[in-house]
């Protein structure tokens, strides 16, 4: 939400987000964090989930699994950066794209 600054929208591809399987299992058991709930309350009105499980929604809202781990880079440079990050053993992925402003600021598909 902060990265869009009210001027752009974005699409997040949930199936591309690297997730530790157990995080989804815990979320399915409603083992949630207070910070994740604050994030949902703060940014939830700007997000539209399309056929995304409750557990994955919770993982995406939880600050332990998002936040500072997300960067934006031009599409032209993305593949090269992804290659370099993976070469040093980081579980990096291209998880979305920034688009022109839409009726929904953040669409998770």
PDB file of N, CA and C in Angstrom:
ATOM      1  N   UNK A   1       0.836  -1.189   0.000  1.00  0.00           N
ATOM      2  CA  UNK A   1       0.000   0.000   0.000  1.00  0.00           C
ATOM      3  C   UNK A   1       0.882   1.254   0.000  1.00  0.00           C
ATOM      4  N   UNK A   2       1.891   1.280   0.880  1.00  0.00           N
ATOM      5  CA  UNK A   2       2.789   2.430   0.934  1.00  0.00           C
ATOM      6  C   UNK A   2       3.578   2.586  -0.356  1.00  0.00           C
ATOM      7  N   UNK A   3       3.956   1.488  -0.973  1.00  0.00           N
ATOM      8  CA  UNK A   3       4.733   1.564  -2.215  1.00  0.00           C
ATOM      9  C   UNK A   3       3.908   2.141  -3.360  1.00  0.00           C
ATOM     10  N   UNK A   4       2.606   1.949  -3.329  1.00  0.00           N
ATOM     11  CA  UNK A   4       1.758   2.454  -4.408  1.00  0.00           C
ATOM     12  C   UNK A   4       1.518   3.953  -4.258  1.00  0.00           C
ATOM     13  N   UNK A   5       1.596   4.467  -3.054  1.00  0.00           N
ATOM     14  CA  UNK A   5       1.511   5.903  -2.770  1.00  0.00           C
ATOM     15  C   UNK A   5       0.254   6.558  -3.350  1.00  0.00           C
ATOM     16  N   UNK A   6      -0.819   5.772  -3.526  1.00  0.00           N
ATOM     17  CA  UNK A   6      -2.059   6.311  -4.054  1.00  0.00           C
ATOM     18  C   UNK A   6      -2.009   6.664  -5.531  1.00  0.00           C
ATOM     19  N   UNK A   7      -0.914   6.332  -6.216  1.00  0.00           N
ATOM     20  CA  UNK A   7      -0.745   6.707  -7.621  1.00  0.00           C
ATOM     21  C   UNK A   7      -0.759   5.529  -8.578  1.00  0.00           C
ATOM     22  N   UNK A   8      -0.526   4.345  -8.071  1.00  0.00           N
ATOM     23  CA  UNK A   8      -0.458   3.140  -8.898  1.00  0.00           C
ATOM     24  C   UNK A   8      -1.242   2.015  -8.242  1.00  0.00           C
ATOM     25  N   UNK A   9      -1.347   0.929  -8.943  1.00  0.00           N
ATOM     26  CA  UNK A   9      -1.915  -0.302  -8.410  1.00  0.00           C
ATOM     27  C   UNK A   9      -0.907  -1.410  -8.649  1.00  0.00           C
ATOM     28  N   UNK A  10      -1.174  -2.566  -8.069  1.00  0.00           N
ATOM     29  CA  UNK A  10      -0.280  -3.694  -8.315  1.00  0.00           C
ATOM     30  C   UNK A  10      -1.068  -4.994  -8.289  1.00  0.00           C
ATOM     31  N   UNK A  11      -0.465  -5.993  -8.902  1.00  0.00           N
ATOM     32  CA  UNK A  11      -0.994  -7.347  -8.897  1.00  0.00           C
ATOM     33  C   UNK A  11       0.056  -8.210  -8.220  1.00  0.00           C
ATOM     34  N   UNK A  12      -0.364  -9.000  -7.244  1.00  0.00           N
ATOM     35  CA  UNK A  12       0.524  -9.940  -6.563  1.00  0.00           C
ATOM     36  C   UNK A  12       0.085 -11.341  -6.960  1.00  0.00           C
ATOM     37  N   UNK A  13       1.042 -12.145  -7.419  1.00  0.00           N
ATOM     38  CA  UNK A  13       0.769 -13.525  -7.808  1.00  0.00           C
ATOM     39  C   UNK A  13       1.073 -14.416  -6.606  1.00  0.00           C
ATOM     40  N   UNK A  14       0.044 -14.751  -5.858  1.00  0.00           N
ATOM     41  CA  UNK A  14       0.210 -15.468  -4.592  1.00  0.00           C
ATOM     42  C   UNK A  14       0.976 -16.779  -4.772  1.00  0.00           C
ATOM     43  N   UNK A  15       0.771 -17.455  -5.879  1.00  0.00           N
ATOM     44  CA  UNK A  15       1.449 -18.741  -6.081  1.00  0.00           C
ATOM     45  C   UNK A  15       2.937 -18.579  -6.371  1.00  0.00           C
ATOM     46  N   UNK A  16       3.399 -17.358  -6.557  1.00  0.00           N
ATOM     47  CA  UNK A  16       4.819 -17.090  -6.796  1.00  0.00           C
ATOM     48  C   UNK A  16       5.557 -16.661  -5.524  1.00  0.00           C
ATOM     49  N   UNK A  17       4.822 -16.372  -4.455  1.00  0.00           N
ATOM     50  CA  UNK A  17       5.427 -15.913  -3.205  1.00  0.00           C
ATOM     51  C   UNK A  17       6.033 -17.114  -2.477  1.00  0.00           C
ATOM     52  N   UNK A  18       7.351 -17.085  -2.211  1.00  0.00           N
ATOM     53  CA  UNK A  18       7.957 -18.185  -1.460  1.00  0.00           C
ATOM     54  C   UNK A  18       7.403 -18.209  -0.027  1.00  0.00           C
ATOM     55  N   UNK A  19       6.881 -19.356   0.364  1.00  0.00           N
ATOM     56  CA  UNK A  19       6.260 -19.481   1.687  1.00  0.00           C
ATOM     57  C   UNK A  19       6.723 -20.786   2.332  1.00  0.00           C
ATOM     58  N   UNK A  20       7.038 -20.711   3.602  1.00  0.00           N
ATOM     59  CA  UNK A  20       7.351 -21.917   4.362  1.00  0.00           C
ATOM     60  C   UNK A  20       6.029 -22.635   4.627  1.00  0.00           C
ATOM     61  N   UNK A  21       5.948 -23.863   4.233  1.00  0.00           N
ATOM     62  CA  UNK A  21       4.703 -24.638   4.310  1.00  0.00           C
ATOM     63  C   UNK A  21       4.064 -24.565   5.699  1.00  0.00           C
ATOM     64  N   UNK A  22       4.887 -24.652   6.728  1.00  0.00           N
ATOM     65  CA  UNK A  22       4.365 -24.638   8.094  1.00  0.00           C
ATOM     66  C   UNK A  22       3.663 -23.322   8.433  1.00  0.00           C
ATOM     67  N   UNK A  23       4.080 -22.227   7.805  1.00  0.00           N
ATOM     68  CA  UNK A  23       3.414 -20.939   8.056  1.00  0.00           C
ATOM     69  C   UNK A  23       1.952 -21.023   7.625  1.00  0.00           C
ATOM     70  N   UNK A  24       1.706 -21.652   6.496  1.00  0.00           N
ATOM     71  CA  UNK A  24       0.327 -21.833   6.028  1.00  0.00           C
ATOM     72  C   UNK A  24      -0.441 -22.777   6.963  1.00  0.00           C
ATOM     73  N   UNK A  25       0.224 -23.822   7.408  1.00  0.00           N
ATOM     74  CA  UNK A  25      -0.430 -24.764   8.330  1.00  0.00           C
ATOM     75  C   UNK A  25      -0.851 -24.065   9.615  1.00  0.00           C
ATOM     76  N   UNK A  26       0.048 -23.243  10.177  1.00  0.00           N
ATOM     77  CA  UNK A  26      -0.274 -22.526  11.413  1.00  0.00           C
ATOM     78  C   UNK A  26      -1.408 -21.533  11.194  1.00  0.00           C
ATOM     79  N   UNK A  27      -1.375 -20.829  10.078  1.00  0.00           N
ATOM     80  CA  UNK A  27      -2.455 -19.882   9.786  1.00  0.00           C
ATOM     81  C   UNK A  27      -3.783 -20.608   9.649  1.00  0.00           C
ATOM     82  N   UNK A  28      -3.759 -21.800   9.045  1.00  0.00           N
ATOM     83  CA  UNK A  28      -4.979 -22.610   8.928  1.00  0.00           C
ATOM     84  C   UNK A  28      -5.530 -22.988  10.297  1.00  0.00           C
ATOM     85  N   UNK A  29      -4.664 -23.046  11.298  1.00  0.00           N
ATOM     86  CA  UNK A  29      -5.076 -23.376  12.665  1.00  0.00           C
ATOM     87  C   UNK A  29      -5.381 -22.110  13.476  1.00  0.00           C
ATOM     88  N   UNK A  30      -5.442 -20.984  12.808  1.00  0.00           N
ATOM     89  CA  UNK A  30      -5.740 -19.685  13.418  1.00  0.00           C
ATOM     90  C   UNK A  30      -4.683 -19.258  14.444  1.00  0.00           C
ATOM     91  N   UNK A  31      -3.437 -19.669  14.224  1.00  0.00           N
ATOM     92  CA  UNK A  31      -2.323 -19.183  15.033  1.00  0.00           C
ATOM     93  C   UNK A  31      -1.814 -17.929  14.338  1.00  0.00           C
ATOM     94  N   UNK A  32      -2.406 -16.804  14.698  1.00  0.00           N
ATOM     95  CA  UNK A  32      -2.184 -15.543  14.000  1.00  0.00           C
ATOM     96  C   UNK A  32      -1.451 -14.573  14.908  1.00  0.00           C
ATOM     97  N   UNK A  33      -0.809 -13.589  14.306  1.00  0.00           N
ATOM     98  CA  UNK A  33      -0.108 -12.581  15.106  1.00  0.00           C
ATOM     99  C   UNK A  33      -0.934 -11.303  15.202  1.00  0.00           C
ATOM    100  N   UNK A  34      -0.741 -10.598  16.306  1.00  0.00           N
ATOM    101  CA  UNK A  34      -1.424  -9.313  16.484  1.00  0.00           C
ATOM    102  C   UNK A  34      -0.972  -8.328  15.402  1.00  0.00           C
ATOM    103  N   UNK A  35       0.305  -8.361  15.057  1.00  0.00           N
ATOM    104  CA  UNK A  35       0.816  -7.446  14.027  1.00  0.00           C
ATOM    105  C   UNK A  35       0.185  -7.752  12.667  1.00  0.00           C
ATOM    106  N   UNK A  36      -0.027  -9.020  12.384  1.00  0.00           N
ATOM    107  CA  UNK A  36      -0.693  -9.383  11.132  1.00  0.00           C
ATOM    108  C   UNK A  36      -2.111  -8.847  11.080  1.00  0.00           C
ATOM    109  N   UNK A  37      -2.791  -8.901  12.209  1.00  0.00           N
ATOM    110  CA  UNK A  37      -4.162  -8.381  12.267  1.00  0.00           C
ATOM    111  C   UNK A  37      -4.182  -6.861  12.131  1.00  0.00           C
ATOM    112  N   UNK A  38      -3.190  -6.194  12.709  1.00  0.00           N
ATOM    113  CA  UNK A  38      -3.094  -4.733  12.527  1.00  0.00           C
ATOM    114  C   UNK A  38      -2.848  -4.396  11.062  1.00  0.00           C
ATOM    115  N   UNK A  39      -1.977  -5.181  10.411  1.00  0.00           N
ATOM    116  CA  UNK A  39      -1.740  -4.950   8.978  1.00  0.00           C
ATOM    117  C   UNK A  39      -3.016  -5.174   8.171  1.00  0.00           C
ATOM    118  N   UNK A  40      -3.750  -6.223   8.501  1.00  0.00           N
ATOM    119  CA  UNK A  40      -5.018  -6.487   7.788  1.00  0.00           C
ATOM    120  C   UNK A  40      -5.983  -5.326   7.996  1.00  0.00           C
ATOM    121  N   UNK A  41      -6.090  -4.842   9.228  1.00  0.00           N
ATOM    122  CA  UNK A  41      -6.992  -3.727   9.508  1.00  0.00           C
ATOM    123  C   UNK A  41      -6.576  -2.454   8.775  1.00  0.00           C
ATOM    124  N   UNK A  42      -5.272  -2.226   8.688  1.00  0.00           N
ATOM    125  CA  UNK A  42      -4.763  -0.999   8.061  1.00  0.00           C
ATOM    126  C   UNK A  42      -4.820  -1.063   6.536  1.00  0.00           C
ATOM    127  N   UNK A  43      -4.389  -2.164   5.953  1.00  0.00           N
ATOM    128  CA  UNK A  43      -4.289  -2.231   4.488  1.00  0.00           C
ATOM    129  C   UNK A  43      -5.413  -3.016   3.831  1.00  0.00           C
ATOM    130  N   UNK A  44      -6.168  -3.775   4.621  1.00  0.00           N
ATOM    131  CA  UNK A  44      -7.241  -4.600   4.065  1.00  0.00           C
ATOM    132  C   UNK A  44      -8.179  -3.887   3.111  1.00  0.00           C
ATOM    133  N   UNK A  45      -8.576  -2.644   3.411  1.00  0.00           N
ATOM    134  CA  UNK A  45      -9.487  -1.949   2.498  1.00  0.00           C
ATOM    135  C   UNK A  45      -8.905  -1.682   1.101  1.00  0.00           C
ATOM    136  N   UNK A  46      -7.603  -1.824   0.954  1.00  0.00           N
ATOM    137  CA  UNK A  46      -6.957  -1.553  -0.330  1.00  0.00           C
ATOM    138  C   UNK A  46      -6.649  -2.825  -1.114  1.00  0.00           C
ATOM    139  N   UNK A  47      -7.005  -3.988  -0.533  1.00  0.00           N
ATOM    140  CA  UNK A  47      -6.626  -5.272  -1.110  1.00  0.00           C
ATOM    141  C   UNK A  47      -7.860  -6.048  -1.557  1.00  0.00           C
ATOM    142  N   UNK A  48      -7.771  -6.645  -2.741  1.00  0.00           N
ATOM    143  CA  UNK A  48      -8.803  -7.568  -3.224  1.00  0.00           C
ATOM    144  C   UNK A  48      -8.143  -8.920  -3.462  1.00  0.00           C
ATOM    145  N   UNK A  49      -8.610  -9.938  -2.746  1.00  0.00           N
ATOM    146  CA  UNK A  49      -8.111 -11.295  -2.923  1.00  0.00           C
ATOM    147  C   UNK A  49      -9.043 -12.025  -3.880  1.00  0.00           C
ATOM    148  N   UNK A  50      -8.465 -12.692  -4.849  1.00  0.00           N
ATOM    149  CA  UNK A  50      -9.253 -13.457  -5.814  1.00  0.00           C
ATOM    150  C   UNK A  50      -8.911 -14.933  -5.667  1.00  0.00           C
ATOM    151  N   UNK A  51      -9.789 -15.662  -5.003  1.00  0.00           N
ATOM    152  CA  UNK A  51      -9.635 -17.106  -4.807  1.00  0.00           C
ATOM    153  C   UNK A  51      -8.325 -17.446  -4.089  1.00  0.00           C
ATOM    154  N   UNK A  52      -8.050 -16.716  -3.004  1.00  0.00           N
ATOM    155  CA  UNK A  52      -6.850 -16.929  -2.189  1.00  0.00           C
ATOM    156  C   UNK A  52      -7.305 -17.451  -0.831  1.00  0.00           C
ATOM    157  N   UNK A  53      -6.691 -18.518  -0.365  1.00  0.00           N
ATOM    158  CA  UNK A  53      -7.092 -19.119   0.905  1.00  0.00           C
ATOM    159  C   UNK A  53      -6.880 -18.152   2.063  1.00  0.00           C
ATOM    160  N   UNK A  54      -7.650 -18.354   3.123  1.00  0.00           N
ATOM    161  CA  UNK A  54      -7.497 -17.551   4.332  1.00  0.00           C
ATOM    162  C   UNK A  54      -6.060 -17.637   4.846  1.00  0.00           C
ATOM    163  N   UNK A  55      -5.487 -18.841   4.851  1.00  0.00           N
ATOM    164  CA  UNK A  55      -4.125 -19.023   5.357  1.00  0.00           C
ATOM    165  C   UNK A  55      -3.128 -18.183   4.558  1.00  0.00           C
ATOM    166  N   UNK A  56      -3.242 -18.188   3.243  1.00  0.00           N
ATOM    167  CA  UNK A  56      -2.311 -17.402   2.425  1.00  0.00           C
ATOM    168  C   UNK A  56      -2.531 -15.912   2.650  1.00  0.00           C
ATOM    169  N   UNK A  57      -3.763 -15.493   2.809  1.00  0.00           N
ATOM    170  CA  UNK A  57      -4.028 -14.086   3.121  1.00  0.00           C
ATOM    171  C   UNK A  57      -3.306 -13.698   4.408  1.00  0.00           C
ATOM    172  N   UNK A  58      -3.420 -14.540   5.431  1.00  0.00           N
ATOM    173  CA  UNK A  58      -2.774 -14.243   6.706  1.00  0.00           C
ATOM    174  C   UNK A  58      -1.258 -14.193   6.578  1.00  0.00           C
ATOM    175  N   UNK A  59      -0.688 -15.104   5.831  1.00  0.00           N
ATOM    176  CA  UNK A  59       0.764 -15.093   5.617  1.00  0.00           C
ATOM    177  C   UNK A  59       1.185 -13.799   4.924  1.00  0.00           C
ATOM    178  N   UNK A  60       0.404 -13.350   3.957  1.00  0.00           N
ATOM    179  CA  UNK A  60       0.746 -12.117   3.245  1.00  0.00           C
ATOM    180  C   UNK A  60       0.609 -10.877   4.125  1.00  0.00           C
ATOM    181  N   UNK A  61      -0.313 -10.883   5.071  1.00  0.00           N
ATOM    182  CA  UNK A  61      -0.468  -9.747   5.980  1.00  0.00           C
ATOM    183  C   UNK A  61       0.552  -9.751   7.115  1.00  0.00           C
ATOM    184  N   UNK A  62       1.069 -10.922   7.466  1.00  0.00           N
ATOM    185  CA  UNK A  62       1.950 -11.030   8.627  1.00  0.00           C
ATOM    186  C   UNK A  62       3.297 -10.363   8.361  1.00  0.00           C
ATOM    187  N   UNK A  63       3.714  -9.423   9.220  1.00  0.00           N
ATOM    188  CA  UNK A  63       4.967  -8.701   8.980  1.00  0.00           C
ATOM    189  C   UNK A  63       6.210  -9.582   9.109  1.00  0.00           C
ATOM    190  N   UNK A  64       6.066 -10.765   9.684  1.00  0.00           N
ATOM    191  CA  UNK A  64       7.211 -11.669   9.770  1.00  0.00           C
ATOM    192  C   UNK A  64       7.523 -12.297   8.420  1.00  0.00           C
ATOM    193  N   UNK A  65       6.576 -12.228   7.500  1.00  0.00           N
ATOM    194  CA  UNK A  65       6.755 -12.896   6.209  1.00  0.00           C
ATOM    195  C   UNK A  65       6.642 -11.924   5.040  1.00  0.00           C
ATOM    196  N   UNK A  66       6.650 -10.635   5.310  1.00  0.00           N
ATOM    197  CA  UNK A  66       6.538  -9.661   4.218  1.00  0.00           C
ATOM    198  C   UNK A  66       7.322  -8.416   4.588  1.00  0.00           C
ATOM    199  N   UNK A  67       6.862  -7.277   4.168  1.00  0.00           N
ATOM    200  CA  UNK A  67       7.490  -6.013   4.550  1.00  0.00           C
ATOM    201  C   UNK A  67       8.815  -5.785   3.869  1.00  0.00           C
ATOM    202  N   UNK A  68       9.883  -5.744   4.647  1.00  0.00           N
ATOM    203  CA  UNK A  68      11.202  -5.409   4.127  1.00  0.00           C
ATOM    204  C   UNK A  68      11.769  -6.395   3.123  1.00  0.00           C
ATOM    205  N   UNK A  69      11.116  -7.511   2.947  1.00  0.00           N
ATOM    206  CA  UNK A  69      11.596  -8.494   1.993  1.00  0.00           C
ATOM    207  C   UNK A  69      11.106  -8.215   0.578  1.00  0.00           C
ATOM    208  N   UNK A  70      10.287  -7.202   0.416  1.00  0.00           N
ATOM    209  CA  UNK A  70       9.714  -6.880  -0.882  1.00  0.00           C
ATOM    210  C   UNK A  70      10.405  -5.652  -1.456  1.00  0.00           C
ATOM    211  N   UNK A  71      10.870  -5.769  -2.700  1.00  0.00           N
ATOM    212  CA  UNK A  71      11.460  -4.624  -3.387  1.00  0.00           C
ATOM    213  C   UNK A  71      10.785  -4.455  -4.732  1.00  0.00           C
ATOM    214  N   UNK A  72      10.905  -3.275  -5.285  1.00  0.00           N
ATOM    215  CA  UNK A  72      10.411  -3.008  -6.637  1.00  0.00           C
ATOM    216  C   UNK A  72      11.603  -2.676  -7.518  1.00  0.00           C
ATOM    217  N   UNK A  73      11.591  -3.217  -8.704  1.00  0.00           N
ATOM    218  CA  UNK A  73      12.672  -3.000  -9.662  1.00  0.00           C
ATOM    219  C   UNK A  73      12.053  -2.992 -11.053  1.00  0.00           C
ATOM    220  N   UNK A  74      12.693  -2.319 -11.982  1.00  0.00           N
ATOM    221  CA  UNK A  74      12.140  -2.264 -13.339  1.00  0.00           C
ATOM    222  C   UNK A  74      12.075  -3.669 -13.939  1.00  0.00           C
ATOM    223  N   UNK A  75      11.111  -3.860 -14.775  1.00  0.00           N
ATOM    224  CA  UNK A  75      10.918  -5.166 -15.417  1.00  0.00           C
ATOM    225  C   UNK A  75      12.162  -5.585 -16.195  1.00  0.00           C
ATOM    226  N   UNK A  76      12.824  -4.611 -16.808  1.00  0.00           N
ATOM    227  CA  UNK A  76      14.028  -4.896 -17.586  1.00  0.00           C
ATOM    228  C   UNK A  76      15.145  -5.484 -16.735  1.00  0.00           C
ATOM    229  N   UNK A  77      15.227  -5.083 -15.473  1.00  0.00           N
ATOM    230  CA  UNK A  77      16.299  -5.545 -14.591  1.00  0.00           C
ATOM    231  C   UNK A  77      15.890  -6.714 -13.709  1.00  0.00           C
ATOM    232  N   UNK A  78      14.613  -7.029 -13.659  1.00  0.00           N
ATOM    233  CA  UNK A  78      14.105  -8.045 -12.750  1.00  0.00           C
ATOM    234  C   UNK A  78      14.676  -9.426 -12.946  1.00  0.00           C
ATOM    235  N   UNK A  79      14.702  -9.913 -14.157  1.00  0.00           N
ATOM    236  CA  UNK A  79      15.187 -11.273 -14.412  1.00  0.00           C
ATOM    237  C   UNK A  79      16.658 -11.417 -14.053  1.00  0.00           C
ATOM    238  N   UNK A  80      17.463 -10.407 -14.365  1.00  0.00           N
ATOM    239  CA  UNK A  80      18.889 -10.462 -14.035  1.00  0.00           C
ATOM    240  C   UNK A  80      19.095 -10.474 -12.520  1.00  0.00           C
ATOM    241  N   UNK A  81      18.373  -9.631 -11.797  1.00  0.00           N
ATOM    242  CA  UNK A  81      18.486  -9.619 -10.340  1.00  0.00           C
ATOM    243  C   UNK A  81      18.032 -10.953  -9.764  1.00  0.00           C
ATOM    244  N   UNK A  82      16.943 -11.483 -10.268  1.00  0.00           N
ATOM    245  CA  UNK A  82      16.443 -12.780  -9.805  1.00  0.00           C
ATOM    246  C   UNK A  82      17.508 -13.857  -9.987  1.00  0.00           C
ATOM    247  N   UNK A  83      18.132 -13.871 -11.135  1.00  0.00           N
ATOM    248  CA  UNK A  83      19.194 -14.848 -11.418  1.00  0.00           C
ATOM    249  C   UNK A  83      20.336 -14.706 -10.414  1.00  0.00           C
ATOM    250  N   UNK A  84      20.775 -13.484 -10.156  1.00  0.00           N
ATOM    251  CA  UNK A  84      21.889 -13.254  -9.231  1.00  0.00           C
ATOM    252  C   UNK A  84      21.540 -13.651  -7.798  1.00  0.00           C
ATOM    253  N   UNK A  85      20.332 -13.326  -7.373  1.00  0.00           N
ATOM    254  CA  UNK A  85      19.912 -13.690  -6.021  1.00  0.00           C
ATOM    255  C   UNK A  85      19.841 -15.201  -5.848  1.00  0.00           C
ATOM    256  N   UNK A  86      19.337 -15.880  -6.853  1.00  0.00           N
ATOM    257  CA  UNK A  86      19.248 -17.341  -6.771  1.00  0.00           C
ATOM    258  C   UNK A  86      20.633 -17.986  -6.807  1.00  0.00           C
ATOM    259  N   UNK A  87      21.564 -17.366  -7.545  1.00  0.00           N
ATOM    260  CA  UNK A  87      22.935 -17.893  -7.598  1.00  0.00           C
ATOM    261  C   UNK A  87      23.593 -17.895  -6.228  1.00  0.00           C
ATOM    262  N   UNK A  88      23.231 -16.964  -5.358  1.00  0.00           N
ATOM    263  CA  UNK A  88      23.819 -16.931  -4.016  1.00  0.00           C
ATOM    264  C   UNK A  88      22.934 -17.638  -2.990  1.00  0.00           C
ATOM    265  N   UNK A  89      21.945 -18.358  -3.492  1.00  0.00           N
ATOM    266  CA  UNK A  89      21.156 -19.220  -2.633  1.00  0.00           C
ATOM    267  C   UNK A  89      19.949 -18.597  -1.962  1.00  0.00           C
ATOM    268  N   UNK A  90      19.527 -17.434  -2.406  1.00  0.00           N
ATOM    269  CA  UNK A  90      18.358 -16.796  -1.805  1.00  0.00           C
ATOM    270  C   UNK A  90      17.078 -17.266  -2.496  1.00  0.00           C
ATOM    271  N   UNK A  91      16.011 -17.500  -1.726  1.00  0.00           N
ATOM    272  CA  UNK A  91      14.749 -17.956  -2.315  1.00  0.00           C
ATOM    273  C   UNK A  91      13.960 -16.792  -2.904  1.00  0.00           C
ATOM    274  N   UNK A  92      14.535 -16.147  -3.892  1.00  0.00           N
ATOM    275  CA  UNK A  92      13.927 -14.969  -4.501  1.00  0.00           C
ATOM    276  C   UNK A  92      12.927 -15.360  -5.582  1.00  0.00           C
ATOM    277  N   UNK A  93      11.975 -14.464  -5.808  1.00  0.00           N
ATOM    278  CA  UNK A  93      10.966 -14.696  -6.840  1.00  0.00           C
ATOM    279  C   UNK A  93      10.381 -13.363  -7.284  1.00  0.00           C
ATOM    280  N   UNK A  94       9.950 -13.323  -8.511  1.00  0.00           N
ATOM    281  CA  UNK A  94       9.172 -12.184  -8.995  1.00  0.00           C
ATOM    282  C   UNK A  94       7.732 -12.516  -8.636  1.00  0.00           C
ATOM    283  N   UNK A  95       7.136 -11.705  -7.765  1.00  0.00           N
ATOM    284  CA  UNK A  95       5.834 -12.049  -7.201  1.00  0.00           C
ATOM    285  C   UNK A  95       4.705 -11.140  -7.657  1.00  0.00           C
ATOM    286  N   UNK A  96       4.997 -10.202  -8.536  1.00  0.00           N
ATOM    287  CA  UNK A  96       3.930  -9.319  -8.983  1.00  0.00           C
ATOM    288  C   UNK A  96       4.430  -8.255  -9.915  1.00  0.00           C
ATOM    289  N   UNK A  97       3.557  -7.300 -10.162  1.00  0.00           N
ATOM    290  CA  UNK A  97       3.915  -6.187 -11.026  1.00  0.00           C
ATOM    291  C   UNK A  97       3.093  -4.956 -10.667  1.00  0.00           C
ATOM    292  N   UNK A  98       3.698  -3.821 -10.911  1.00  0.00           N
ATOM    293  CA  UNK A  98       3.022  -2.546 -10.696  1.00  0.00           C
ATOM    294  C   UNK A  98       2.337  -2.170 -11.997  1.00  0.00           C
ATOM    295  N   UNK A  99       1.100  -1.720 -11.887  1.00  0.00           N
ATOM    296  CA  UNK A  99       0.305  -1.368 -13.067  1.00  0.00           C
ATOM    297  C   UNK A  99      -0.262   0.042 -12.901  1.00  0.00           C
ATOM    298  N   UNK A 100      -0.870   0.529 -13.942  1.00  0.00           N
ATOM    299  CA  UNK A 100      -1.548   1.825 -13.855  1.00  0.00           C
ATOM    300  C   UNK A 100      -2.622   1.749 -12.776  1.00  0.00           C
ATOM    301  N   UNK A 101      -2.975   2.868 -12.233  1.00  0.00           N
ATOM    302  CA  UNK A 101      -3.971   2.922 -11.167  1.00  0.00           C
ATOM    303  C   UNK A 101      -5.267   2.248 -11.610  1.00  0.00           C
ATOM    304  N   UNK A 102      -5.795   1.418 -10.733  1.00  0.00           N
ATOM    305  CA  UNK A 102      -6.993   0.633 -11.008  1.00  0.00           C
ATOM    306  C   UNK A 102      -7.990   0.893  -9.879  1.00  0.00           C
ATOM    307  N   UNK A 103      -9.204   0.355  -9.987  1.00  0.00           N
ATOM    308  CA  UNK A 103     -10.184   0.557  -8.926  1.00  0.00           C
ATOM    309  C   UNK A 103      -9.753  -0.133  -7.633  1.00  0.00           C
ATOM    310  N   UNK A 104      -8.880  -1.128  -7.740  1.00  0.00           N
ATOM    311  CA  UNK A 104      -8.324  -1.820  -6.578  1.00  0.00           C
ATOM    312  C   UNK A 104      -6.827  -1.551  -6.552  1.00  0.00           C
ATOM    313  N   UNK A 105      -6.340  -1.091  -5.397  1.00  0.00           N
ATOM    314  CA  UNK A 105      -4.918  -0.758  -5.318  1.00  0.00           C
ATOM    315  C   UNK A 105      -4.028  -2.004  -5.357  1.00  0.00           C
ATOM    316  N   UNK A 106      -4.409  -3.041  -4.616  1.00  0.00           N
ATOM    317  CA  UNK A 106      -3.618  -4.268  -4.550  1.00  0.00           C
ATOM    318  C   UNK A 106      -4.535  -5.431  -4.856  1.00  0.00           C
ATOM    319  N   UNK A 107      -4.264  -6.116  -5.942  1.00  0.00           N
ATOM    320  CA  UNK A 107      -5.054  -7.294  -6.323  1.00  0.00           C
ATOM    321  C   UNK A 107      -4.158  -8.511  -6.160  1.00  0.00           C
ATOM    322  N   UNK A 108      -4.615  -9.473  -5.355  1.00  0.00           N
ATOM    323  CA  UNK A 108      -3.856 -10.707  -5.125  1.00  0.00           C
ATOM    324  C   UNK A 108      -4.584 -11.831  -5.836  1.00  0.00           C
ATOM    325  N   UNK A 109      -3.890 -12.443  -6.785  1.00  0.00           N
ATOM    326  CA  UNK A 109      -4.503 -13.525  -7.579  1.00  0.00           C
ATOM    327  C   UNK A 109      -3.691 -14.800  -7.482  1.00  0.00           C
TER     328      UNK A 109
END
